[in-house]
Structure formats: structure tokens, C-alpha cells
Amino acid sequence: MLRSLFATIALLAPVAAQTTVSSYVQDSVTGFYGNTVPLGCASSGLFAQGRSQILIPARFLAGPNAALNGIAVVGHNSSAGNVTITYASLKITVSRTTATSLSATFASNLPLPQVVLNATNLSVPYVAGTWTPIQFATTYLHDGTSNLVIEIQKVVNPLGDATMRTIQNAARTDLPRMINAFGGVGSGAHLAATATVTTNYALSMQLLWNGLSGTAVPTVRLLSNNGGAASNQFAIGTTVTHTVQGAPGALYINMQSLALLQPPRLLPPIVGVQWVDGVTIGLGILPAGGASTFGWAIPANAGLVGLYSAFQSVVAPAPFSQLFFTNVADCFVRS
């Protein structure tokens, strides 16, 4: 069915090089919850040093041969204002893994470690209410099927005042917990062998992708700001913004289901993994900017609270000779 839909299109358009974005777990910069350990600091010196690991399940990641070039986070100071943090050292290591949870021993969670950033005296200006990118010095080439561990080791000097949003704002108790070790100035916590906290919610992150030879990596993501009677994200009676991204001129089909395929499917010659087998909720051609959005209106029906919904797209860059599955974006409806 998917192949026949694409076969009816004859439009040609150039493939543009661009960075595309997937989110863990969504695009909102609002929310009440944050964490200082991975990238922040307290002006008192607490959290000046730390080591953190975040495990991202495979479905949230782009397909095979997608190059991860950086992450973005939402940071602000204790007054919810802008802040610049200077890292005397900032080291980010990634590793693909088959693990579905993190052990307290940092090294055991990195079976195939790759250092993608090892910076000194790096200043990052965090603009409140905005995604702030941290670009890697070396790209990570994803295999399209593995889970991914992202490790952050930081030493903040001089001291600053910053915290970053977490996925607790989207109430994602179903996802792996972040592990951390932290301490003050001179503690050496960034070199800790074991985590002292293993129950934290992971950082909210955008993942920044490019394809081989400058091609665009197809992605999908959601955005839901706090709303509804309880000021929750993904609340009944609110509208969620769905974005599919890829090369300008590409054909896309958006799909939605109430469950993930278990196990997910490989459907060659389509590149990537199929996680969603549900209804088609949109079809079109990506505009010049390479992104198309629509609003998913959640009815104001209390019976929907707790409902799971997953979204995935199939994208075919012109001249439509190859099809790609995007990552998955998902959520639970809330009151």
C-alpha cells in the first residue's frame, strides 16, 4: 500500500542538505521540572562537577547511516532567565547498546564508547525558553536499530546558576531513568565510577541529524505545551503540533497508532524500522523549508486520559526511488 501511494507521484525536486531534528521526548520548552546535574550548576558550587548517562530507546532515533551531530537542551537560571555556563571541561560520549536500562556502573553502560566532544573552556549561552544546541566535534553514525547511551561529564568553572528541562514534564515514567554522580568544586564527580542517583528523569533533548553526503534525515516530532485544567502537557482539550521533516520536495505519509509493533518490522527496500502500523493521518509534499506541521486536537474527553499514541512517517525524497521510515514520536494523553 505504501509503495503504491509513492508510485503515483512523478514530481521531481532537488535534495537539500539540512539538519533535521528528533526529540526526546517532545519539543516543548515549557514545564515545571528540571535537573542541574548533567549540564547545570548552582551558584553555591553544588553540582559543579558531574557525570550523567541517558539511555534513549531505539524508536526515538533516526534510521541507519544517520549522523548525530549534536544535541540541544533547554536551560535557564534560577530566575528563569538567560545564563552562560563555562565548562572547564565538557566530555560527551555515546554508545550503541542493546540494554533497556542503565546499571549504576558507568563503564558497563558503554559497550562501544565513542567520544563525540571533549572540550575545554567551552562557554554555552543558554537562552531561556529556547533549545540551545551543543555541537559535537565528531559525528556518531547510527545503525538504525540500537538503543543509544549519551554520557555527559562536566566541570563548571567559574561557577554558574543553571538547570535544564527534563522529560518529567511529559510524565514519562515508562522510559529509562537517567543516572548521575555529582559533587562540588574539586570533588572529581565527573570521573566517578558509579552513580549515586539512579532514579532521575532524563534530560529533554533534541537530537540533531544529518545524512551521508549532505542528505536530509527524515524525522518526526511532537510539541505540546502545558495546558488544560491541570496545566499538563498532552492534556485533553489541547492541540499537539506534529512535525515531519526531511528534504524539500519529499513525499511523506504520516501514520498514527495506539500501540507499537512488537517486534518492529523490517520491510526492505524501505530503509529503517517500522514501529507504527495504524491509520494514515496525512500525506503531502514537504515545502521549501523541509518541514510540514499539523495540529492533532485531543478531544476534551476524560475517558482518553492515559491513552498511548505513537506517530511515525514514511518519507520519499525526490525522485522517489527510495523510501525511509522516520523515528517514532509518542505520548500519553493527560488530564
Protein backbone atom coordinates (compact mmCIF):
# COMPACT_ATOMS: atom_id res chain seq x y z
CA MET A 1 0.00 0.00 0.00
CA LEU A 2 2.79 2.43 0.90
CA ARG A 3 4.68 1.60 -2.30
CA SER A 4 1.61 2.15 -4.46
CA LEU A 5 0.98 5.56 -2.92
CA PHE A 6 4.51 6.69 -3.72
CA ALA A 7 4.37 5.21 -7.20
CA THR A 8 1.58 7.62 -8.15
CA ILE A 9 3.83 10.65 -7.68
CA ALA A 10 6.02 11.92 -10.52
CA LEU A 11 7.15 15.28 -9.17
CA LEU A 12 10.92 15.93 -9.18
CA ALA A 13 12.77 18.22 -6.73
CA PRO A 14 16.37 18.62 -5.59
CA VAL A 15 17.56 17.09 -2.31
CA ALA A 16 18.81 19.82 0.04
CA ALA A 17 21.44 19.38 2.72
CA GLN A 18 19.98 20.27 6.11
CA THR A 19 19.95 19.39 9.79
CA THR A 20 16.80 17.63 10.92
CA VAL A 21 15.59 17.13 14.46
CA SER A 22 14.08 14.36 16.54
CA SER A 23 13.08 14.96 20.15
CA TYR A 24 13.40 13.01 23.36
CA VAL A 25 10.62 13.07 24.17
CA GLN A 26 8.99 16.15 22.72
CA ASP A 27 9.66 19.70 21.53
CA SER A 28 8.10 21.82 24.27
CA VAL A 29 10.29 24.32 26.15
CA THR A 30 7.68 24.71 28.92
CA GLY A 31 7.30 22.73 32.12
CA PHE A 32 7.95 22.81 35.85
CA TYR A 33 10.68 20.17 36.22
CA GLY A 34 14.41 20.32 35.65
CA ASN A 35 17.75 18.82 36.64
CA THR A 36 21.05 20.56 37.31
CA VAL A 37 23.46 17.62 37.30
CA PRO A 38 24.14 16.87 33.60
CA LEU A 39 24.91 20.38 32.32
CA GLY A 40 23.95 22.90 35.01
CA CYS A 41 25.40 24.27 38.21
CA ALA A 42 24.34 26.02 41.43
CA SER A 43 25.93 29.35 42.31
CA SER A 44 26.92 27.81 45.67
CA GLY A 45 29.19 25.38 43.83
CA LEU A 46 26.89 22.39 44.25
CA PHE A 47 26.70 20.32 41.05
CA ALA A 48 29.85 22.00 39.68
CA GLN A 49 31.09 18.56 38.66
CA GLY A 50 29.07 15.60 37.47
CA ARG A 51 28.76 12.50 35.35
CA SER A 52 25.41 11.53 33.84
CA GLN A 53 24.10 8.90 31.45
CA ILE A 54 20.87 8.89 29.46
CA LEU A 55 19.55 5.83 27.63
CA ILE A 56 17.41 6.58 24.59
CA PRO A 57 15.33 3.69 23.20
CA ALA A 58 15.81 2.85 19.53
CA ARG A 59 12.39 4.04 18.40
CA PHE A 60 13.25 7.67 19.20
CA LEU A 61 16.36 7.58 16.98
CA ALA A 62 16.77 8.14 13.26
CA GLY A 63 17.40 5.38 10.75
CA PRO A 64 20.59 3.65 9.56
CA ASN A 65 23.52 5.84 8.49
CA ALA A 66 22.03 8.92 10.12
CA ALA A 67 24.83 11.06 11.55
CA LEU A 68 24.18 12.53 15.01
CA ASN A 69 25.97 15.89 15.06
CA GLY A 70 24.81 17.32 18.37
CA ILE A 71 22.13 17.72 20.99
CA ALA A 72 20.07 20.67 22.17
CA VAL A 73 18.68 21.29 25.66
CA VAL A 74 16.51 23.91 27.36
CA GLY A 75 18.43 25.75 30.08
CA HIS A 76 17.83 28.76 32.28
CA ASN A 77 18.92 30.25 35.59
CA SER A 78 17.02 30.09 38.89
CA SER A 79 15.11 33.24 37.90
CA ALA A 80 14.06 31.63 34.60
CA GLY A 81 16.40 33.96 32.72
CA ASN A 82 19.26 33.63 30.27
CA VAL A 83 22.60 32.35 31.54
CA THR A 84 26.02 31.49 30.11
CA ILE A 85 27.78 28.47 31.60
CA THR A 86 31.51 27.94 31.06
CA TYR A 87 32.74 24.38 31.18
CA ALA A 88 36.36 23.96 32.18
CA SER A 89 35.80 20.55 30.62
CA LEU A 90 32.84 19.03 28.84
CA LYS A 91 33.09 15.49 27.51
CA ILE A 92 30.23 13.73 25.73
CA THR A 93 30.50 10.03 24.91
CA VAL A 94 27.90 7.94 23.07
CA SER A 95 27.50 4.19 22.72
CA ARG A 96 25.01 1.99 20.97
CA THR A 97 23.64 -0.74 23.19
CA THR A 98 21.02 -3.45 23.45
CA ALA A 99 20.40 -2.68 27.13
CA THR A 100 16.96 -1.41 28.14
CA SER A 101 18.06 0.09 31.46
CA LEU A 102 21.23 1.53 32.96
CA SER A 103 23.29 -0.10 35.68
CA ALA A 104 24.89 2.01 38.41
CA THR A 105 28.36 1.33 36.95
CA PHE A 106 29.03 3.92 34.27
CA ALA A 107 31.59 1.94 32.25
CA SER A 108 29.35 -1.11 31.91
CA ASN A 109 26.74 1.01 30.10
CA LEU A 110 29.18 1.93 27.30
CA PRO A 111 29.95 -1.28 25.36
CA LEU A 112 31.05 0.66 22.25
CA PRO A 113 32.08 4.10 23.51
CA GLN A 114 32.73 6.93 21.07
CA VAL A 115 33.82 10.35 22.31
CA VAL A 116 31.98 12.95 20.23
CA LEU A 117 33.01 16.05 22.22
CA ASN A 118 35.98 16.66 24.51
CA ALA A 119 36.11 20.42 25.02
CA THR A 120 37.88 22.72 27.45
CA ASN A 121 36.91 26.28 28.40
CA LEU A 122 33.68 25.99 26.43
CA SER A 123 31.07 28.71 27.07
CA VAL A 124 27.47 27.88 26.22
CA PRO A 125 24.89 30.72 26.25
CA TYR A 126 21.57 29.23 27.37
CA VAL A 127 18.61 31.35 26.29
CA ALA A 128 15.58 30.74 28.49
CA GLY A 129 12.64 29.16 26.69
CA THR A 130 14.79 28.13 23.72
CA TRP A 131 16.56 24.99 22.57
CA THR A 132 20.31 25.61 22.91
CA PRO A 133 22.49 23.41 20.69
CA ILE A 134 25.73 21.74 21.74
CA GLN A 135 27.51 20.65 18.58
CA PHE A 136 29.71 17.56 18.54
CA ALA A 137 33.28 17.67 17.27
CA THR A 138 32.89 14.14 15.85
CA THR A 139 29.69 12.68 14.43
CA TYR A 140 28.14 9.42 15.57
CA LEU A 141 26.81 7.23 12.75
CA HIS A 142 23.71 5.40 13.94
CA ASP A 143 22.97 1.81 12.91
CA GLY A 144 19.20 2.36 12.86
CA THR A 145 18.30 -0.42 15.30
CA SER A 146 20.23 0.01 18.57
CA ASN A 147 19.40 1.95 21.70
CA LEU A 148 21.80 4.81 22.47
CA VAL A 149 23.55 5.88 25.67
CA ILE A 150 24.62 9.52 25.90
CA GLU A 151 27.12 10.26 28.66
CA ILE A 152 27.91 13.79 29.83
CA GLN A 153 30.92 14.58 32.04
CA LYS A 154 31.23 18.22 33.04
CA VAL A 155 33.29 20.55 35.21
CA VAL A 156 31.82 24.04 35.52
CA ASN A 157 34.32 26.85 36.23
CA PRO A 158 33.67 29.64 37.00
CA LEU A 159 30.55 28.73 38.96
CA GLY A 160 27.18 29.46 37.39
CA ASP A 161 23.46 29.11 38.00
CA ALA A 162 21.60 26.91 35.53
CA THR A 163 19.22 23.98 35.29
CA MET A 164 17.75 22.10 32.30
CA ARG A 165 14.28 20.75 31.49
CA THR A 166 13.59 17.03 31.86
CA ILE A 167 11.11 14.54 30.43
CA GLN A 168 9.30 14.55 33.78
CA ASN A 169 7.26 17.40 32.31
CA ALA A 170 5.71 14.89 29.90
CA ALA A 171 5.19 12.36 32.75
CA ARG A 172 7.23 9.62 31.03
CA THR A 173 7.61 7.11 33.84
CA ASP A 174 7.73 4.36 31.18
CA LEU A 175 11.18 5.39 29.90
CA PRO A 176 14.66 4.53 31.25
CA ARG A 177 15.84 6.65 34.16
CA MET A 178 18.91 8.82 33.97
CA ILE A 179 21.81 8.00 36.31
CA ASN A 180 24.08 10.62 37.90
CA ALA A 181 27.05 11.27 40.13
CA PHE A 182 27.57 14.84 41.29
CA GLY A 183 29.65 16.96 43.63
CA GLY A 184 31.08 20.39 44.29
CA VAL A 185 34.31 22.05 43.26
CA GLY A 186 37.24 19.60 43.38
CA SER A 187 35.03 16.59 44.10
CA GLY A 188 36.06 14.65 40.99
CA ALA A 189 32.45 13.63 40.45
CA HIS A 190 32.86 13.86 36.68
CA LEU A 191 35.23 10.88 36.95
CA ALA A 192 33.07 8.82 39.31
CA ALA A 193 32.93 5.09 38.56
CA THR A 194 29.42 4.57 39.91
CA ALA A 195 26.25 6.62 40.04
CA THR A 196 24.97 7.98 43.34
CA VAL A 197 21.47 8.71 41.96
CA THR A 198 19.75 6.24 39.64
CA THR A 199 16.14 7.45 39.63
CA ASN A 200 16.25 10.82 37.88
CA TYR A 201 14.16 11.64 34.83
CA ALA A 202 16.28 12.08 31.70
CA LEU A 203 17.05 15.43 30.16
CA SER A 204 14.70 16.69 27.50
CA MET A 205 16.79 16.76 24.34
CA GLN A 206 16.62 17.46 20.68
CA LEU A 207 18.87 15.22 18.59
CA LEU A 208 20.46 16.93 15.58
CA TRP A 209 20.90 14.74 12.48
CA ASN A 210 22.47 14.88 9.04
CA GLY A 211 22.59 12.21 6.36
CA LEU A 212 25.51 10.86 4.40
CA SER A 213 26.68 13.13 1.56
CA GLY A 214 24.69 16.03 2.99
CA THR A 215 21.26 14.45 2.53
CA ALA A 216 18.41 15.16 4.93
CA VAL A 217 17.47 12.54 7.55
CA PRO A 218 13.66 12.12 7.78
CA THR A 219 12.33 12.71 11.30
CA VAL A 220 9.07 13.26 13.14
CA ARG A 221 8.42 15.02 16.44
CA LEU A 222 5.63 16.36 18.66
CA LEU A 223 5.15 19.59 20.61
CA SER A 224 2.68 20.01 23.47
CA ASN A 225 2.90 22.93 25.86
CA ASN A 226 1.38 22.93 29.32
CA GLY A 227 -2.37 23.38 29.09
CA GLY A 228 -5.76 22.07 30.11
CA ALA A 229 -7.34 22.26 33.54
CA ALA A 230 -4.27 20.76 35.25
CA SER A 231 -1.69 22.64 33.14
CA ASN A 232 -0.28 19.39 31.78
CA GLN A 233 1.45 18.58 28.52
CA PHE A 234 -0.60 16.41 26.12
CA ALA A 235 -3.75 17.38 28.02
CA ILE A 236 -7.28 16.65 26.87
CA GLY A 237 -8.82 19.65 25.13
CA THR A 238 -5.45 20.85 23.75
CA THR A 239 -3.77 20.62 20.36
CA VAL A 240 -0.45 18.86 19.78
CA THR A 241 1.79 20.07 16.95
CA HIS A 242 3.09 17.23 14.77
CA THR A 243 6.13 17.95 12.55
CA VAL A 244 7.58 15.74 9.83
CA GLN A 245 10.93 16.85 8.46
CA GLY A 246 13.10 15.85 5.52
CA ALA A 247 14.35 17.04 2.16
CA PRO A 248 12.29 19.76 0.50
CA GLY A 249 10.10 18.23 -2.18
CA ALA A 250 9.97 14.83 -0.47
CA LEU A 251 6.70 12.93 -0.30
CA TYR A 252 5.54 11.96 3.18
CA ILE A 253 2.85 9.77 4.73
CA ASN A 254 2.08 10.29 8.44
CA MET A 255 0.77 7.34 10.47
CA GLN A 256 -0.69 7.02 13.98
CA SER A 257 -1.46 4.01 16.16
CA LEU A 258 -2.42 3.22 19.74
CA ALA A 259 0.39 0.67 20.20
CA LEU A 260 3.87 -0.09 18.91
CA LEU A 261 4.60 -3.11 16.78
CA GLN A 262 6.27 -5.78 18.92
CA PRO A 263 8.59 -6.78 17.46
CA PRO A 264 9.07 -3.92 14.99
CA ARG A 265 9.30 -4.82 11.31
CA LEU A 266 11.96 -4.54 8.65
CA LEU A 267 10.29 -4.00 5.25
CA PRO A 268 13.02 -3.78 2.62
CA PRO A 269 13.51 -1.92 0.36
CA ILE A 270 12.11 0.69 2.80
CA VAL A 271 15.07 1.94 4.85
CA GLY A 272 14.65 1.81 8.62
CA VAL A 273 12.31 0.07 11.03
CA GLN A 274 8.51 0.11 11.11
CA TRP A 275 7.17 0.68 14.62
CA VAL A 276 3.72 2.06 13.78
CA ASP A 277 1.02 0.18 11.84
CA GLY A 278 -2.10 2.28 12.15
CA VAL A 279 -4.17 4.87 10.34
CA THR A 280 -2.86 7.35 7.79
CA ILE A 281 -3.34 10.86 9.17
CA GLY A 282 -1.72 12.91 6.44
CA LEU A 283 0.04 12.84 3.09
CA GLY A 284 1.82 15.56 1.19
CA ILE A 285 4.99 17.11 -0.22
CA LEU A 286 7.47 18.79 2.10
CA PRO A 287 7.75 22.53 1.33
CA ALA A 288 10.92 24.51 0.68
CA GLY A 289 11.76 24.63 4.38
CA GLY A 290 11.71 20.84 4.58
CA ALA A 291 9.11 20.60 7.38
CA SER A 292 5.36 20.12 7.44
CA THR A 293 3.19 20.53 10.54
CA PHE A 294 -0.39 19.81 11.50
CA GLY A 295 -2.38 20.07 14.71
CA TRP A 296 -3.60 16.90 16.43
CA ALA A 297 -6.56 18.03 18.51
CA ILE A 298 -7.13 15.88 21.62
CA PRO A 299 -10.85 15.87 22.46
CA ALA A 300 -11.83 17.18 25.89
CA ASN A 301 -12.91 13.71 26.98
CA ALA A 302 -11.72 12.45 30.39
CA GLY A 303 -12.07 8.87 29.12
CA LEU A 304 -8.98 9.45 26.94
CA VAL A 305 -6.64 10.11 29.88
CA GLY A 306 -3.86 7.52 29.88
CA LEU A 307 -4.28 6.68 26.18
CA TYR A 308 -0.99 5.96 24.41
CA SER A 309 -0.45 7.27 20.89
CA ALA A 310 2.53 6.72 18.58
CA PHE A 311 3.39 8.54 15.36
CA GLN A 312 5.74 7.59 12.53
CA SER A 313 6.11 8.73 8.94
CA VAL A 314 7.36 7.27 5.67
CA VAL A 315 9.31 9.78 3.59
CA ALA A 316 10.49 9.52 -0.03
CA PRO A 317 12.91 12.18 -1.27
CA ALA A 318 12.58 13.07 -4.96
CA PRO A 319 12.81 11.31 -7.38
CA PHE A 320 11.05 8.85 -5.04
CA SER A 321 13.32 5.91 -5.77
CA GLN A 322 13.82 5.11 -2.08
CA LEU A 323 11.55 5.13 0.98
CA PHE A 324 12.56 5.83 4.59
CA PHE A 325 10.85 5.24 7.93
CA THR A 326 11.32 8.08 10.39
CA ASN A 327 11.84 7.70 14.11
CA VAL A 328 8.80 7.44 16.39
CA ALA A 329 7.28 10.25 18.43
CA ASP A 330 4.81 9.20 21.11
CA CYS A 331 2.89 10.38 24.16
CA PHE A 332 0.31 9.56 26.82
CA VAL A 333 -2.84 11.67 26.96
CA ARG A 334 -3.18 13.50 30.28
CA SER A 335 -5.87 15.36 32.18
